[in-house]
Amino acid sequence: MYLSKEKKEDLFENHGRLKSKTDTGSPESQIALFSHRINHLTGHLKTNKKDYSTRLGLLKLVGKRRRLLDYLGKIDIERYRSIITELNLRK
């Protein structure tokens, strides 16, 4: 698998709300995980242009991340702004 357990724990620890390895449910940690997966799939699609099933999965992930970002923006705008700057995302 492209993402090891240690890498996931590192993502959760760096971007999670509680800054622990087991913080998998916070929107910040889920957005960070989705962003990592989106970057991985984007690289895959650059070399495999006709992989339409991966393209569909990528679009679904982008939609999930967008919904989580919208939710976070409604709940707490400061957390939204901090995760946007940490992951270099823009709206």
N, C-alpha and C. Protein backbone atom coordinates (compact mmCIF):
# COMPACT_ATOMS: atom_id res chain seq x y z
N MET A 1 0.84 -1.18 0.00
CA MET A 1 0.00 0.00 0.00
C MET A 1 0.89 1.25 0.00
N TYR A 2 0.41 2.28 -0.63
CA TYR A 2 1.21 3.49 -0.79
C TYR A 2 1.34 4.29 0.50
N LEU A 3 0.47 4.06 1.49
CA LEU A 3 0.46 4.84 2.72
C LEU A 3 0.59 3.89 3.91
N SER A 4 1.74 3.95 4.57
CA SER A 4 1.98 3.05 5.69
C SER A 4 1.29 3.56 6.94
N LYS A 5 1.24 2.71 7.94
CA LYS A 5 0.60 3.07 9.21
C LYS A 5 1.33 4.24 9.87
N GLU A 6 2.64 4.24 9.78
CA GLU A 6 3.43 5.32 10.38
C GLU A 6 3.17 6.66 9.70
N LYS A 7 3.01 6.62 8.38
CA LYS A 7 2.75 7.86 7.64
C LYS A 7 1.37 8.41 8.01
N LYS A 8 0.37 7.52 8.14
CA LYS A 8 -0.96 7.96 8.55
C LYS A 8 -0.92 8.57 9.94
N GLU A 9 -0.23 7.91 10.87
CA GLU A 9 -0.13 8.44 12.23
C GLU A 9 0.57 9.80 12.22
N ASP A 10 1.56 9.96 11.36
CA ASP A 10 2.25 11.23 11.26
C ASP A 10 1.31 12.32 10.73
N LEU A 11 0.49 11.98 9.73
CA LEU A 11 -0.49 12.94 9.22
C LEU A 11 -1.47 13.35 10.30
N PHE A 12 -1.97 12.37 11.06
CA PHE A 12 -2.95 12.66 12.11
C PHE A 12 -2.33 13.48 13.23
N GLU A 13 -1.07 13.21 13.53
CA GLU A 13 -0.40 13.94 14.61
C GLU A 13 -0.10 15.39 14.20
N ASN A 14 0.27 15.59 12.95
CA ASN A 14 0.62 16.94 12.50
C ASN A 14 -0.59 17.82 12.22
N HIS A 15 -1.66 17.23 11.70
CA HIS A 15 -2.79 18.04 11.26
C HIS A 15 -4.04 17.85 12.09
N GLY A 16 -4.05 16.88 12.98
CA GLY A 16 -5.25 16.63 13.78
C GLY A 16 -5.50 17.71 14.80
N ARG A 17 -6.71 17.74 15.29
CA ARG A 17 -7.09 18.76 16.26
C ARG A 17 -6.45 18.51 17.61
N LEU A 18 -6.36 17.25 18.02
CA LEU A 18 -5.81 16.91 19.33
C LEU A 18 -4.31 16.67 19.31
N LYS A 19 -3.70 16.68 18.12
CA LYS A 19 -2.26 16.44 17.95
C LYS A 19 -1.82 15.10 18.54
N SER A 20 -2.66 14.07 18.32
CA SER A 20 -2.30 12.73 18.75
C SER A 20 -2.40 11.78 17.55
N LYS A 21 -1.80 10.62 17.69
CA LYS A 21 -1.78 9.64 16.60
C LYS A 21 -3.14 9.00 16.37
N THR A 22 -4.01 9.06 17.37
CA THR A 22 -5.30 8.39 17.26
C THR A 22 -6.44 9.34 16.93
N ASP A 23 -6.13 10.58 16.59
CA ASP A 23 -7.16 11.57 16.25
C ASP A 23 -7.55 11.40 14.79
N THR A 24 -8.36 10.38 14.50
CA THR A 24 -8.73 10.10 13.12
C THR A 24 -10.07 10.69 12.74
N GLY A 25 -10.82 11.20 13.68
CA GLY A 25 -12.17 11.66 13.40
C GLY A 25 -12.32 13.14 13.19
N SER A 26 -11.35 13.92 13.55
CA SER A 26 -11.50 15.37 13.41
C SER A 26 -11.47 15.74 11.92
N PRO A 27 -12.20 16.78 11.55
CA PRO A 27 -12.21 17.18 10.14
C PRO A 27 -10.83 17.54 9.61
N GLU A 28 -9.99 18.12 10.46
CA GLU A 28 -8.65 18.51 10.01
C GLU A 28 -7.83 17.30 9.59
N SER A 29 -7.89 16.23 10.40
CA SER A 29 -7.10 15.04 10.07
C SER A 29 -7.67 14.34 8.85
N GLN A 30 -8.98 14.32 8.69
CA GLN A 30 -9.57 13.70 7.51
C GLN A 30 -9.25 14.49 6.25
N ILE A 31 -9.26 15.81 6.34
CA ILE A 31 -8.91 16.65 5.20
C ILE A 31 -7.45 16.42 4.81
N ALA A 32 -6.57 16.27 5.80
CA ALA A 32 -5.16 16.03 5.51
C ALA A 32 -4.98 14.67 4.82
N LEU A 33 -5.71 13.67 5.29
CA LEU A 33 -5.62 12.34 4.67
C LEU A 33 -6.15 12.36 3.25
N PHE A 34 -7.30 13.02 3.04
CA PHE A 34 -7.85 13.13 1.69
C PHE A 34 -6.90 13.88 0.77
N SER A 35 -6.27 14.93 1.27
CA SER A 35 -5.34 15.70 0.45
C SER A 35 -4.14 14.87 0.03
N HIS A 36 -3.65 14.04 0.94
CA HIS A 36 -2.53 13.16 0.60
C HIS A 36 -2.94 12.16 -0.46
N ARG A 37 -4.13 11.58 -0.32
CA ARG A 37 -4.62 10.62 -1.31
C ARG A 37 -4.86 11.29 -2.65
N ILE A 38 -5.39 12.52 -2.64
CA ILE A 38 -5.65 13.25 -3.88
C ILE A 38 -4.33 13.53 -4.60
N ASN A 39 -3.32 13.94 -3.88
CA ASN A 39 -2.01 14.19 -4.50
C ASN A 39 -1.43 12.92 -5.09
N HIS A 40 -1.60 11.80 -4.39
CA HIS A 40 -1.09 10.52 -4.90
C HIS A 40 -1.81 10.13 -6.19
N LEU A 41 -3.14 10.24 -6.19
CA LEU A 41 -3.90 9.86 -7.38
C LEU A 41 -3.66 10.81 -8.54
N THR A 42 -3.41 12.06 -8.27
CA THR A 42 -3.10 13.02 -9.33
C THR A 42 -1.79 12.64 -10.03
N GLY A 43 -0.81 12.25 -9.24
CA GLY A 43 0.45 11.78 -9.84
C GLY A 43 0.26 10.53 -10.67
N HIS A 44 -0.59 9.63 -10.20
CA HIS A 44 -0.87 8.40 -10.95
C HIS A 44 -1.55 8.73 -12.28
N LEU A 45 -2.49 9.67 -12.25
CA LEU A 45 -3.22 10.00 -13.47
C LEU A 45 -2.37 10.77 -14.48
N LYS A 46 -1.29 11.38 -14.03
CA LYS A 46 -0.41 12.06 -14.98
C LYS A 46 0.29 11.06 -15.89
N THR A 47 0.57 9.87 -15.35
CA THR A 47 1.23 8.85 -16.16
C THR A 47 0.24 7.91 -16.83
N ASN A 48 -0.93 7.71 -16.25
CA ASN A 48 -1.95 6.81 -16.79
C ASN A 48 -3.19 7.62 -17.15
N LYS A 49 -3.15 8.24 -18.30
CA LYS A 49 -4.19 9.20 -18.67
C LYS A 49 -5.55 8.55 -18.93
N LYS A 50 -5.59 7.28 -19.28
CA LYS A 50 -6.86 6.63 -19.62
C LYS A 50 -7.44 5.80 -18.48
N ASP A 51 -6.96 5.98 -17.29
CA ASP A 51 -7.45 5.24 -16.14
C ASP A 51 -8.69 5.96 -15.60
N TYR A 52 -9.84 5.65 -16.18
CA TYR A 52 -11.06 6.39 -15.87
C TYR A 52 -11.64 6.02 -14.51
N SER A 53 -11.42 4.80 -14.06
CA SER A 53 -11.94 4.43 -12.74
C SER A 53 -11.20 5.17 -11.62
N THR A 54 -9.91 5.38 -11.81
CA THR A 54 -9.15 6.17 -10.84
C THR A 54 -9.58 7.63 -10.88
N ARG A 55 -9.89 8.12 -12.07
CA ARG A 55 -10.36 9.49 -12.22
C ARG A 55 -11.68 9.69 -11.46
N LEU A 56 -12.57 8.70 -11.55
CA LEU A 56 -13.84 8.77 -10.83
C LEU A 56 -13.60 8.77 -9.32
N GLY A 57 -12.70 7.92 -8.86
CA GLY A 57 -12.37 7.89 -7.43
C GLY A 57 -11.76 9.21 -6.97
N LEU A 58 -10.93 9.80 -7.81
CA LEU A 58 -10.33 11.09 -7.48
C LEU A 58 -11.39 12.18 -7.35
N LEU A 59 -12.34 12.20 -8.26
CA LEU A 59 -13.40 13.20 -8.19
C LEU A 59 -14.26 13.03 -6.95
N LYS A 60 -14.50 11.79 -6.56
CA LYS A 60 -15.26 11.54 -5.33
C LYS A 60 -14.50 12.03 -4.10
N LEU A 61 -13.18 11.80 -4.08
CA LEU A 61 -12.36 12.27 -2.96
C LEU A 61 -12.34 13.80 -2.89
N VAL A 62 -12.26 14.44 -4.03
CA VAL A 62 -12.26 15.90 -4.05
C VAL A 62 -13.59 16.43 -3.52
N GLY A 63 -14.68 15.77 -3.87
CA GLY A 63 -16.00 16.17 -3.35
C GLY A 63 -16.11 15.98 -1.86
N LYS A 64 -15.58 14.86 -1.36
CA LYS A 64 -15.61 14.62 0.10
C LYS A 64 -14.80 15.67 0.83
N ARG A 65 -13.62 15.99 0.30
CA ARG A 65 -12.79 17.00 0.94
C ARG A 65 -13.47 18.37 0.90
N ARG A 66 -14.12 18.68 -0.20
CA ARG A 66 -14.82 19.96 -0.32
C ARG A 66 -15.96 20.07 0.71
N ARG A 67 -16.71 18.98 0.89
CA ARG A 67 -17.79 18.99 1.87
C ARG A 67 -17.26 19.14 3.28
N LEU A 68 -16.15 18.47 3.59
CA LEU A 68 -15.55 18.62 4.92
C LEU A 68 -15.04 20.05 5.13
N LEU A 69 -14.46 20.64 4.10
CA LEU A 69 -13.99 22.02 4.22
C LEU A 69 -15.16 22.98 4.41
N ASP A 70 -16.26 22.74 3.70
CA ASP A 70 -17.44 23.58 3.87
C ASP A 70 -17.99 23.46 5.29
N TYR A 71 -18.04 22.23 5.80
CA TYR A 71 -18.51 22.00 7.16
C TYR A 71 -17.63 22.73 8.17
N LEU A 72 -16.33 22.61 8.00
CA LEU A 72 -15.40 23.25 8.92
C LEU A 72 -15.50 24.77 8.84
N GLY A 73 -15.76 25.30 7.65
CA GLY A 73 -15.94 26.73 7.51
C GLY A 73 -17.18 27.24 8.21
N LYS A 74 -18.23 26.42 8.25
CA LYS A 74 -19.46 26.82 8.95
C LYS A 74 -19.30 26.74 10.46
N ILE A 75 -18.58 25.72 10.93
CA ILE A 75 -18.45 25.48 12.36
C ILE A 75 -17.45 26.45 13.00
N ASP A 76 -16.25 26.52 12.44
CA ASP A 76 -15.20 27.35 13.03
C ASP A 76 -14.30 27.88 11.92
N ILE A 77 -14.43 29.15 11.61
CA ILE A 77 -13.72 29.74 10.48
C ILE A 77 -12.22 29.78 10.72
N GLU A 78 -11.78 29.92 11.95
CA GLU A 78 -10.34 29.96 12.24
C GLU A 78 -9.68 28.61 11.97
N ARG A 79 -10.33 27.53 12.37
CA ARG A 79 -9.80 26.19 12.08
C ARG A 79 -9.75 25.97 10.57
N TYR A 80 -10.77 26.45 9.86
CA TYR A 80 -10.81 26.34 8.40
C TYR A 80 -9.63 27.07 7.77
N ARG A 81 -9.39 28.29 8.21
CA ARG A 81 -8.29 29.07 7.65
C ARG A 81 -6.94 28.45 7.97
N SER A 82 -6.79 27.87 9.17
CA SER A 82 -5.51 27.27 9.52
C SER A 82 -5.23 26.01 8.70
N ILE A 83 -6.25 25.19 8.45
CA ILE A 83 -6.01 23.97 7.67
C ILE A 83 -5.75 24.32 6.20
N ILE A 84 -6.38 25.38 5.71
CA ILE A 84 -6.13 25.83 4.33
C ILE A 84 -4.67 26.25 4.17
N THR A 85 -4.15 27.00 5.15
CA THR A 85 -2.76 27.46 5.03
C THR A 85 -1.77 26.33 5.28
N GLU A 86 -2.10 25.39 6.18
CA GLU A 86 -1.18 24.27 6.44
C GLU A 86 -1.02 23.39 5.22
N LEU A 87 -2.11 23.12 4.51
CA LEU A 87 -2.06 22.19 3.39
C LEU A 87 -1.91 22.88 2.04
N ASN A 88 -1.80 24.21 2.05
CA ASN A 88 -1.65 25.00 0.82
C ASN A 88 -2.82 24.76 -0.14
N LEU A 89 -4.03 24.77 0.41
CA LEU A 89 -5.23 24.65 -0.41
C LEU A 89 -5.80 26.05 -0.62
N ARG A 90 -6.56 26.20 -1.65
CA ARG A 90 -7.24 27.46 -1.85
C ARG A 90 -8.63 27.18 -2.39
N LYS A 91 -9.51 28.09 -2.13
CA LYS A 91 -10.89 27.89 -2.54
C LYS A 91 -11.13 28.44 -3.92
